[in-house]
Protein backbone atom coordinates (compact mmCIF):
# COMPACT_ATOMS: atom_id res chain seq x y z
CA UNK A 1 0.00 0.00 0.00
CA UNK A 2 1.47 3.34 -0.98
CA UNK A 3 0.75 6.74 0.45
CA UNK A 4 -0.56 9.31 -1.97
CA UNK A 5 -0.57 13.00 -1.45
CA UNK A 6 -3.57 15.05 -2.38
CA UNK A 7 -3.33 18.69 -3.37
CA UNK A 8 -4.02 21.00 -0.52
CA UNK A 9 -6.51 23.84 -0.73
CA UNK A 10 -4.35 25.91 1.62
CA UNK A 11 -2.40 28.71 -0.06
CA UNK A 12 1.34 28.27 -0.32
CA UNK A 13 3.22 30.13 2.39
CA UNK A 14 4.81 33.35 1.24
CA UNK A 15 8.56 33.66 1.22
CA UNK A 16 10.14 36.10 3.65
CA UNK A 17 10.90 38.45 0.78
CA UNK A 18 7.32 38.34 -0.52
CA UNK A 19 5.94 38.94 2.97
CA UNK A 20 8.15 42.00 3.50
CA UNK A 21 7.45 43.37 0.03
CA UNK A 22 3.68 43.05 0.53
CA UNK A 23 3.95 44.83 3.89
CA UNK A 24 5.99 47.67 2.39
CA UNK A 25 3.58 48.07 -0.53
CA UNK A 26 0.59 48.34 1.78
CA UNK A 27 2.29 50.91 4.01
CA UNK A 28 3.69 52.94 1.09
CA UNK A 29 0.29 53.19 -0.62
CA UNK A 30 -0.44 56.26 1.50
CA UNK A 31 2.88 57.88 0.52
CA UNK A 32 6.40 57.57 1.81
CA UNK A 33 7.21 55.81 5.05
CA UNK A 34 10.29 55.78 7.24
CA UNK A 35 11.09 52.89 9.56
CA UNK A 36 13.76 50.98 11.42
CA UNK A 37 13.75 47.21 10.98
CA UNK A 38 13.48 46.52 14.68
CA UNK A 39 10.17 48.40 14.87
CA UNK A 40 8.40 46.39 12.14
CA UNK A 41 9.97 42.98 12.86
CA UNK A 42 6.96 41.66 14.79
CA UNK A 43 4.49 42.84 12.14
CA UNK A 44 6.21 40.85 9.37
CA UNK A 45 7.35 37.98 11.59
CA UNK A 46 11.04 38.47 10.73
CA UNK A 47 14.08 39.49 12.70
CA UNK A 48 15.55 42.97 12.28
CA UNK A 49 18.64 41.35 10.76
CA UNK A 50 16.53 39.46 8.19
CA UNK A 51 14.68 42.65 7.28
CA UNK A 52 17.95 44.53 6.77
CA UNK A 53 19.29 41.83 4.45
CA UNK A 54 16.03 41.68 2.49
CA UNK A 55 15.85 45.48 2.15
CA UNK A 56 19.17 45.44 0.30
CA UNK A 57 17.76 42.84 -2.12
CA UNK A 58 14.43 44.64 -2.52
CA UNK A 59 16.20 47.92 -3.22
CA UNK A 60 17.27 46.46 -6.57
CA UNK A 61 14.40 44.09 -7.35
CA UNK A 62 11.20 45.88 -6.26
CA UNK A 63 10.48 48.04 -9.29
CA UNK A 64 7.20 49.33 -7.85
CA UNK A 65 8.88 50.71 -4.72
CA UNK A 66 11.58 53.30 -4.17
CA UNK A 67 13.79 52.10 -1.32
CA UNK A 68 16.73 53.97 0.11
CA UNK A 69 18.85 53.97 3.22
CA UNK A 70 17.91 57.22 4.85
CA UNK A 71 20.05 57.58 7.95
CA UNK A 72 21.84 55.67 10.65
CA UNK A 73 21.27 56.40 14.32
CA UNK A 74 21.64 53.22 16.38
CA UNK A 75 20.08 51.34 13.42
CA UNK A 76 19.43 51.99 9.74
CA UNK A 77 16.37 54.04 8.93
CA UNK A 78 14.81 53.10 5.59
CA UNK A 79 12.67 55.33 3.37
CA UNK A 80 10.09 53.57 1.18
CA UNK A 81 7.72 55.19 -1.29
CA UNK A 82 5.75 54.12 -4.36
CA UNK A 83 7.84 54.28 -7.55
PDB file of N, CA and C in Angstrom:
ATOM      1  N   UNK A   1       0.837  -1.164   0.000  1.00  0.00           N
ATOM      2  CA  UNK A   1       0.000   0.000   0.000  1.00  0.00           C
ATOM      3  C   UNK A   1       0.891   1.239   0.000  1.00  0.00           C
ATOM      4  N   UNK A   2       0.634   2.149  -0.903  1.00  0.00           N
ATOM      5  CA  UNK A   2       1.466   3.340  -0.985  1.00  0.00           C
ATOM      6  C   UNK A   2       0.677   4.569  -0.549  1.00  0.00           C
ATOM      7  N   UNK A   3       1.371   5.497   0.001  1.00  0.00           N
ATOM      8  CA  UNK A   3       0.749   6.744   0.448  1.00  0.00           C
ATOM      9  C   UNK A   3       0.694   7.706  -0.727  1.00  0.00           C
ATOM     10  N   UNK A   4      -0.442   8.306  -0.905  1.00  0.00           N
ATOM     11  CA  UNK A   4      -0.562   9.305  -1.968  1.00  0.00           C
ATOM     12  C   UNK A   4      -0.839  10.651  -1.332  1.00  0.00           C
ATOM     13  N   UNK A   5      -0.330  11.655  -1.967  1.00  0.00           N
ATOM     14  CA  UNK A   5      -0.570  13.003  -1.448  1.00  0.00           C
ATOM     15  C   UNK A   5      -1.634  13.661  -2.304  1.00  0.00           C
ATOM     16  N   UNK A   6      -2.527  14.331  -1.661  1.00  0.00           N
ATOM     17  CA  UNK A   6      -3.571  15.046  -2.378  1.00  0.00           C
ATOM     18  C   UNK A   6      -3.254  16.529  -2.329  1.00  0.00           C
ATOM     19  N   UNK A   7      -3.596  17.245  -3.391  1.00  0.00           N
ATOM     20  CA  UNK A   7      -3.328  18.690  -3.375  1.00  0.00           C
ATOM     21  C   UNK A   7      -4.084  19.363  -2.241  1.00  0.00           C
ATOM     22  N   UNK A   8      -3.434  20.283  -1.638  1.00  0.00           N
ATOM     23  CA  UNK A   8      -4.023  21.002  -0.517  1.00  0.00           C
ATOM     24  C   UNK A   8      -4.710  22.265  -1.019  1.00  0.00           C
ATOM     25  N   UNK A   9      -5.807  22.605  -0.374  1.00  0.00           N
ATOM     26  CA  UNK A   9      -6.506  23.842  -0.730  1.00  0.00           C
ATOM     27  C   UNK A   9      -5.885  25.051  -0.036  1.00  0.00           C
ATOM     28  N   UNK A  10      -4.986  24.813   0.892  1.00  0.00           N
ATOM     29  CA  UNK A  10      -4.345  25.910   1.624  1.00  0.00           C
ATOM     30  C   UNK A  10      -3.378  26.635   0.697  1.00  0.00           C
ATOM     31  N   UNK A  11      -3.344  27.959   0.787  1.00  0.00           N
ATOM     32  CA  UNK A  11      -2.401  28.708  -0.057  1.00  0.00           C
ATOM     33  C   UNK A  11      -0.959  28.411   0.357  1.00  0.00           C
ATOM     34  N   UNK A  12      -0.071  28.497  -0.620  1.00  0.00           N
ATOM     35  CA  UNK A  12       1.339  28.268  -0.318  1.00  0.00           C
ATOM     36  C   UNK A  12       1.848  29.390   0.562  1.00  0.00           C
ATOM     37  N   UNK A  13       2.682  29.069   1.526  1.00  0.00           N
ATOM     38  CA  UNK A  13       3.216  30.130   2.390  1.00  0.00           C
ATOM     39  C   UNK A  13       4.087  31.089   1.583  1.00  0.00           C
ATOM     40  N   UNK A  14       4.004  32.347   1.932  1.00  0.00           N
ATOM     41  CA  UNK A  14       4.813  33.351   1.243  1.00  0.00           C
ATOM     42  C   UNK A  14       6.258  33.257   1.715  1.00  0.00           C
ATOM     43  N   UNK A  15       7.162  33.595   0.814  1.00  0.00           N
ATOM     44  CA  UNK A  15       8.564  33.661   1.219  1.00  0.00           C
ATOM     45  C   UNK A  15       8.745  34.897   2.101  1.00  0.00           C
ATOM     46  N   UNK A  16       9.851  34.945   2.787  1.00  0.00           N
ATOM     47  CA  UNK A  16      10.139  36.100   3.645  1.00  0.00           C
ATOM     48  C   UNK A  16      10.180  37.378   2.821  1.00  0.00           C
ATOM     49  N   UNK A  17      10.789  37.283   1.658  1.00  0.00           N
ATOM     50  CA  UNK A  17      10.902  38.454   0.782  1.00  0.00           C
ATOM     51  C   UNK A  17       9.521  38.917   0.317  1.00  0.00           C
ATOM     52  N   UNK A  18       8.671  37.984  -0.078  1.00  0.00           N
ATOM     53  CA  UNK A  18       7.320  38.344  -0.522  1.00  0.00           C
ATOM     54  C   UNK A  18       6.522  38.976   0.613  1.00  0.00           C
ATOM     55  N   UNK A  19       6.661  38.431   1.815  1.00  0.00           N
ATOM     56  CA  UNK A  19       5.943  38.943   2.972  1.00  0.00           C
ATOM     57  C   UNK A  19       6.353  40.386   3.271  1.00  0.00           C
ATOM     58  N   UNK A  20       7.654  40.654   3.236  1.00  0.00           N
ATOM     59  CA  UNK A  20       8.147  42.003   3.501  1.00  0.00           C
ATOM     60  C   UNK A  20       7.715  42.960   2.393  1.00  0.00           C
ATOM     61  N   UNK A  21       7.816  42.518   1.161  1.00  0.00           N
ATOM     62  CA  UNK A  21       7.447  43.366   0.027  1.00  0.00           C
ATOM     63  C   UNK A  21       5.965  43.737   0.084  1.00  0.00           C
ATOM     64  N   UNK A  22       5.117  42.791   0.408  1.00  0.00           N
ATOM     65  CA  UNK A  22       3.685  43.054   0.526  1.00  0.00           C
ATOM     66  C   UNK A  22       3.417  44.056   1.652  1.00  0.00           C
ATOM     67  N   UNK A  23       4.095  43.901   2.768  1.00  0.00           N
ATOM     68  CA  UNK A  23       3.946  44.828   3.890  1.00  0.00           C
ATOM     69  C   UNK A  23       4.355  46.243   3.465  1.00  0.00           C
ATOM     70  N   UNK A  24       5.494  46.354   2.806  1.00  0.00           N
ATOM     71  CA  UNK A  24       5.988  47.667   2.386  1.00  0.00           C
ATOM     72  C   UNK A  24       5.042  48.320   1.385  1.00  0.00           C
ATOM     73  N   UNK A  25       4.534  47.529   0.440  1.00  0.00           N
ATOM     74  CA  UNK A  25       3.583  48.067  -0.532  1.00  0.00           C
ATOM     75  C   UNK A  25       2.346  48.633   0.166  1.00  0.00           C
ATOM     76  N   UNK A  26       1.808  47.879   1.113  1.00  0.00           N
ATOM     77  CA  UNK A  26       0.587  48.336   1.785  1.00  0.00           C
ATOM     78  C   UNK A  26       0.838  49.606   2.592  1.00  0.00           C
ATOM     79  N   UNK A  27       1.984  49.713   3.220  1.00  0.00           N
ATOM     80  CA  UNK A  27       2.294  50.907   4.012  1.00  0.00           C
ATOM     81  C   UNK A  27       2.636  52.100   3.122  1.00  0.00           C
ATOM     82  N   UNK A  28       3.267  51.856   1.977  1.00  0.00           N
ATOM     83  CA  UNK A  28       3.692  52.943   1.092  1.00  0.00           C
ATOM     84  C   UNK A  28       2.557  53.435   0.193  1.00  0.00           C
ATOM     85  N   UNK A  29       1.427  52.742   0.190  1.00  0.00           N
ATOM     86  CA  UNK A  29       0.287  53.187  -0.616  1.00  0.00           C
ATOM     87  C   UNK A  29      -0.162  54.592  -0.242  1.00  0.00           C
ATOM     88  N   UNK A  30      -0.013  54.947   1.016  1.00  0.00           N
ATOM     89  CA  UNK A  30      -0.436  56.263   1.497  1.00  0.00           C
ATOM     90  C   UNK A  30       0.634  57.327   1.281  1.00  0.00           C
ATOM     91  N   UNK A  31       1.762  56.962   0.719  1.00  0.00           N
ATOM     92  CA  UNK A  31       2.876  57.882   0.522  1.00  0.00           C
ATOM     93  C   UNK A  31       4.129  57.293   1.126  1.00  0.00           C
ATOM     94  N   UNK A  32       5.141  58.097   1.302  1.00  0.00           N
ATOM     95  CA  UNK A  32       6.399  57.569   1.814  1.00  0.00           C
ATOM     96  C   UNK A  32       6.306  57.187   3.280  1.00  0.00           C
ATOM     97  N   UNK A  33       7.137  56.232   3.651  1.00  0.00           N
ATOM     98  CA  UNK A  33       7.212  55.813   5.051  1.00  0.00           C
ATOM     99  C   UNK A  33       8.672  55.678   5.434  1.00  0.00           C
ATOM    100  N   UNK A  34       8.949  55.921   6.680  1.00  0.00           N
ATOM    101  CA  UNK A  34      10.288  55.776   7.240  1.00  0.00           C
ATOM    102  C   UNK A  34      10.187  54.763   8.372  1.00  0.00           C
ATOM    103  N   UNK A  35      11.149  53.867   8.477  1.00  0.00           N
ATOM    104  CA  UNK A  35      11.094  52.888   9.556  1.00  0.00           C
ATOM    105  C   UNK A  35      12.467  52.318   9.846  1.00  0.00           C
ATOM    106  N   UNK A  36      12.593  51.763  11.030  1.00  0.00           N
ATOM    107  CA  UNK A  36      13.758  50.975  11.424  1.00  0.00           C
ATOM    108  C   UNK A  36      13.289  49.530  11.501  1.00  0.00           C
ATOM    109  N   UNK A  37      14.109  48.624  11.048  1.00  0.00           N
ATOM    110  CA  UNK A  37      13.750  47.210  10.978  1.00  0.00           C
ATOM    111  C   UNK A  37      13.235  46.671  12.302  1.00  0.00           C
ATOM    112  N   UNK A  38      13.865  47.075  13.381  1.00  0.00           N
ATOM    113  CA  UNK A  38      13.476  46.519  14.681  1.00  0.00           C
ATOM    114  C   UNK A  38      12.055  46.898  15.080  1.00  0.00           C
ATOM    115  N   UNK A  39      11.516  47.969  14.506  1.00  0.00           N
ATOM    116  CA  UNK A  39      10.170  48.400  14.867  1.00  0.00           C
ATOM    117  C   UNK A  39       9.071  47.727  14.053  1.00  0.00           C
ATOM    118  N   UNK A  40       9.421  47.101  12.926  1.00  0.00           N
ATOM    119  CA  UNK A  40       8.402  46.389  12.137  1.00  0.00           C
ATOM    120  C   UNK A  40       8.601  44.875  12.178  1.00  0.00           C
ATOM    121  N   UNK A  41       9.629  44.417  12.852  1.00  0.00           N
ATOM    122  CA  UNK A  41       9.970  42.984  12.865  1.00  0.00           C
ATOM    123  C   UNK A  41       8.793  42.106  13.281  1.00  0.00           C
ATOM    124  N   UNK A  42       8.088  42.477  14.326  1.00  0.00           N
ATOM    125  CA  UNK A  42       6.959  41.665  14.788  1.00  0.00           C
ATOM    126  C   UNK A  42       5.817  41.643  13.771  1.00  0.00           C
ATOM    127  N   UNK A  43       5.599  42.758  13.099  1.00  0.00           N
ATOM    128  CA  UNK A  43       4.490  42.838  12.136  1.00  0.00           C
ATOM    129  C   UNK A  43       4.687  41.925  10.937  1.00  0.00           C
ATOM    130  N   UNK A  44       5.939  41.704  10.526  1.00  0.00           N
ATOM    131  CA  UNK A  44       6.210  40.855   9.366  1.00  0.00           C
ATOM    132  C   UNK A  44       6.796  39.498   9.763  1.00  0.00           C
ATOM    133  N   UNK A  45       6.866  39.248  11.063  1.00  0.00           N
ATOM    134  CA  UNK A  45       7.348  37.976  11.594  1.00  0.00           C
ATOM    135  C   UNK A  45       8.751  37.635  11.080  1.00  0.00           C
ATOM    136  N   UNK A  46       9.636  38.636  11.122  1.00  0.00           N
ATOM    137  CA  UNK A  46      11.036  38.475  10.733  1.00  0.00           C
ATOM    138  C   UNK A  46      11.904  39.155  11.778  1.00  0.00           C
ATOM    139  N   UNK A  47      13.167  38.797  11.804  1.00  0.00           N
ATOM    140  CA  UNK A  47      14.080  39.495  12.704  1.00  0.00           C
ATOM    141  C   UNK A  47      14.551  40.785  12.034  1.00  0.00           C
ATOM    142  N   UNK A  48      15.038  41.706  12.824  1.00  0.00           N
ATOM    143  CA  UNK A  48      15.553  42.967  12.275  1.00  0.00           C
ATOM    144  C   UNK A  48      16.704  42.687  11.306  1.00  0.00           C
ATOM    145  N   UNK A  49      17.509  41.709  11.620  1.00  0.00           N
ATOM    146  CA  UNK A  49      18.641  41.347  10.762  1.00  0.00           C
ATOM    147  C   UNK A  49      18.143  40.811   9.409  1.00  0.00           C
ATOM    148  N   UNK A  50      17.104  39.980   9.435  1.00  0.00           N
ATOM    149  CA  UNK A  50      16.534  39.459   8.186  1.00  0.00           C
ATOM    150  C   UNK A  50      15.954  40.591   7.343  1.00  0.00           C
ATOM    151  N   UNK A  51      15.273  41.524   7.996  1.00  0.00           N
ATOM    152  CA  UNK A  51      14.682  42.649   7.277  1.00  0.00           C
ATOM    153  C   UNK A  51      15.777  43.478   6.611  1.00  0.00           C
ATOM    154  N   UNK A  52      16.846  43.753   7.349  1.00  0.00           N
ATOM    155  CA  UNK A  52      17.953  44.527   6.774  1.00  0.00           C
ATOM    156  C   UNK A  52      18.537  43.871   5.537  1.00  0.00           C
ATOM    157  N   UNK A  53      18.737  42.558   5.600  1.00  0.00           N
ATOM    158  CA  UNK A  53      19.292  41.835   4.446  1.00  0.00           C
ATOM    159  C   UNK A  53      18.310  41.846   3.274  1.00  0.00           C
ATOM    160  N   UNK A  54      17.033  41.685   3.560  1.00  0.00           N
ATOM    161  CA  UNK A  54      16.030  41.683   2.494  1.00  0.00           C
ATOM    162  C   UNK A  54      15.847  43.070   1.878  1.00  0.00           C
ATOM    163  N   UNK A  55      15.994  44.120   2.681  1.00  0.00           N
ATOM    164  CA  UNK A  55      15.850  45.482   2.148  1.00  0.00           C
ATOM    165  C   UNK A  55      16.907  45.763   1.079  1.00  0.00           C
ATOM    166  N   UNK A  56      18.105  45.257   1.291  1.00  0.00           N
ATOM    167  CA  UNK A  56      19.172  45.445   0.304  1.00  0.00           C
ATOM    168  C   UNK A  56      18.782  44.755  -1.005  1.00  0.00           C
ATOM    169  N   UNK A  57      18.211  43.555  -0.916  1.00  0.00           N
ATOM    170  CA  UNK A  57      17.755  42.840  -2.117  1.00  0.00           C
ATOM    171  C   UNK A  57      16.592  43.558  -2.779  1.00  0.00           C
ATOM    172  N   UNK A  58      15.619  43.980  -1.973  1.00  0.00           N
ATOM    173  CA  UNK A  58      14.434  44.635  -2.520  1.00  0.00           C
ATOM    174  C   UNK A  58      14.755  45.981  -3.159  1.00  0.00           C
ATOM    175  N   UNK A  59      15.785  46.619  -2.668  1.00  0.00           N
ATOM    176  CA  UNK A  59      16.197  47.920  -3.220  1.00  0.00           C
ATOM    177  C   UNK A  59      16.438  47.811  -4.724  1.00  0.00           C
ATOM    178  N   UNK A  60      16.975  46.668  -5.154  1.00  0.00           N
ATOM    179  CA  UNK A  60      17.268  46.462  -6.574  1.00  0.00           C
ATOM    180  C   UNK A  60      16.144  45.758  -7.325  1.00  0.00           C
ATOM    181  N   UNK A  61      15.371  44.922  -6.630  1.00  0.00           N
ATOM    182  CA  UNK A  61      14.400  44.088  -7.349  1.00  0.00           C
ATOM    183  C   UNK A  61      12.960  44.606  -7.324  1.00  0.00           C
ATOM    184  N   UNK A  62      12.590  45.399  -6.357  1.00  0.00           N
ATOM    185  CA  UNK A  62      11.204  45.881  -6.258  1.00  0.00           C
ATOM    186  C   UNK A  62      11.031  47.124  -7.125  1.00  0.00           C
ATOM    187  N   UNK A  63      10.589  46.921  -8.349  1.00  0.00           N
ATOM    188  CA  UNK A  63      10.478  48.036  -9.288  1.00  0.00           C
ATOM    189  C   UNK A  63       9.313  48.968  -8.982  1.00  0.00           C
ATOM    190  N   UNK A  64       8.358  48.498  -8.178  1.00  0.00           N
ATOM    191  CA  UNK A  64       7.203  49.329  -7.851  1.00  0.00           C
ATOM    192  C   UNK A  64       7.399  50.135  -6.564  1.00  0.00           C
ATOM    193  N   UNK A  65       8.572  49.979  -5.951  1.00  0.00           N
ATOM    194  CA  UNK A  65       8.884  50.712  -4.722  1.00  0.00           C
ATOM    195  C   UNK A  65      10.222  51.418  -4.854  1.00  0.00           C
ATOM    196  N   UNK A  66      10.299  52.596  -4.286  1.00  0.00           N
ATOM    197  CA  UNK A  66      11.576  53.300  -4.166  1.00  0.00           C
ATOM    198  C   UNK A  66      12.076  53.053  -2.756  1.00  0.00           C
ATOM    199  N   UNK A  67      13.245  52.439  -2.632  1.00  0.00           N
ATOM    200  CA  UNK A  67      13.786  52.098  -1.321  1.00  0.00           C
ATOM    201  C   UNK A  67      15.171  52.709  -1.201  1.00  0.00           C
ATOM    202  N   UNK A  68      15.393  53.422  -0.107  1.00  0.00           N
ATOM    203  CA  UNK A  68      16.731  53.969   0.114  1.00  0.00           C
ATOM    204  C   UNK A  68      17.075  53.978   1.598  1.00  0.00           C
ATOM    205  N   UNK A  69      18.364  53.804   1.856  1.00  0.00           N
ATOM    206  CA  UNK A  69      18.848  53.966   3.221  1.00  0.00           C
ATOM    207  C   UNK A  69      18.780  55.447   3.512  1.00  0.00           C
ATOM    208  N   UNK A  70      18.128  55.806   4.583  1.00  0.00           N
ATOM    209  CA  UNK A  70      17.912  57.220   4.852  1.00  0.00           C
ATOM    210  C   UNK A  70      18.927  57.775   5.844  1.00  0.00           C
ATOM    211  N   UNK A  71      19.082  57.113   6.967  1.00  0.00           N
ATOM    212  CA  UNK A  71      20.054  57.579   7.953  1.00  0.00           C
ATOM    213  C   UNK A  71      20.452  56.419   8.845  1.00  0.00           C
ATOM    214  N   UNK A  72      21.423  56.688   9.704  1.00  0.00           N
ATOM    215  CA  UNK A  72      21.840  55.671  10.653  1.00  0.00           C
ATOM    216  C   UNK A  72      22.031  56.315  12.019  1.00  0.00           C
ATOM    217  N   UNK A  73      21.149  55.978  12.924  1.00  0.00           N
ATOM    218  CA  UNK A  73      21.274  56.396  14.317  1.00  0.00           C
ATOM    219  C   UNK A  73      20.864  55.194  15.152  1.00  0.00           C
ATOM    220  N   UNK A  74      21.818  54.459  15.624  1.00  0.00           N
ATOM    221  CA  UNK A  74      21.638  53.220  16.378  1.00  0.00           C
ATOM    222  C   UNK A  74      21.046  52.085  15.561  1.00  0.00           C
ATOM    223  N   UNK A  75      20.559  52.350  14.377  1.00  0.00           N
ATOM    224  CA  UNK A  75      20.083  51.345  13.422  1.00  0.00           C
ATOM    225  C   UNK A  75      19.741  52.077  12.139  1.00  0.00           C
ATOM    226  N   UNK A  76      19.742  51.359  11.030  1.00  0.00           N
ATOM    227  CA  UNK A  76      19.434  51.992   9.741  1.00  0.00           C
ATOM    228  C   UNK A  76      17.964  52.376   9.681  1.00  0.00           C
ATOM    229  N   UNK A  77      17.732  53.594   9.218  1.00  0.00           N
ATOM    230  CA  UNK A  77      16.371  54.038   8.926  1.00  0.00           C
ATOM    231  C   UNK A  77      16.196  53.925   7.414  1.00  0.00           C
ATOM    232  N   UNK A  78      15.100  53.288   7.003  1.00  0.00           N
ATOM    233  CA  UNK A  78      14.805  53.097   5.592  1.00  0.00           C
ATOM    234  C   UNK A  78      13.671  54.023   5.186  1.00  0.00           C
ATOM    235  N   UNK A  79      13.754  54.525   3.968  1.00  0.00           N
ATOM    236  CA  UNK A  79      12.669  55.328   3.373  1.00  0.00           C
ATOM    237  C   UNK A  79      12.090  54.518   2.221  1.00  0.00           C
ATOM    238  N   UNK A  80      10.770  54.328   2.227  1.00  0.00           N
ATOM    239  CA  UNK A  80      10.095  53.567   1.178  1.00  0.00           C
ATOM    240  C   UNK A  80       8.940  54.406   0.655  1.00  0.00           C
ATOM    241  N   UNK A  81       8.826  54.472  -0.664  1.00  0.00           N
ATOM    242  CA  UNK A  81       7.717  55.188  -1.288  1.00  0.00           C
ATOM    243  C   UNK A  81       7.343  54.473  -2.593  1.00  0.00           C
ATOM    244  N   UNK A  82       6.137  54.723  -3.080  1.00  0.00           N
ATOM    245  CA  UNK A  82       5.752  54.124  -4.364  1.00  0.00           C
ATOM    246  C   UNK A  82       6.641  54.674  -5.472  1.00  0.00           C
ATOM    247  N   UNK A  83       6.975  53.838  -6.443  1.00  0.00           N
ATOM    248  CA  UNK A  83       7.840  54.277  -7.552  1.00  0.00           C
ATOM    249  C   UNK A  83       7.039  55.050  -8.579  1.00  0.00           C
TER     250      UNK A  83
END
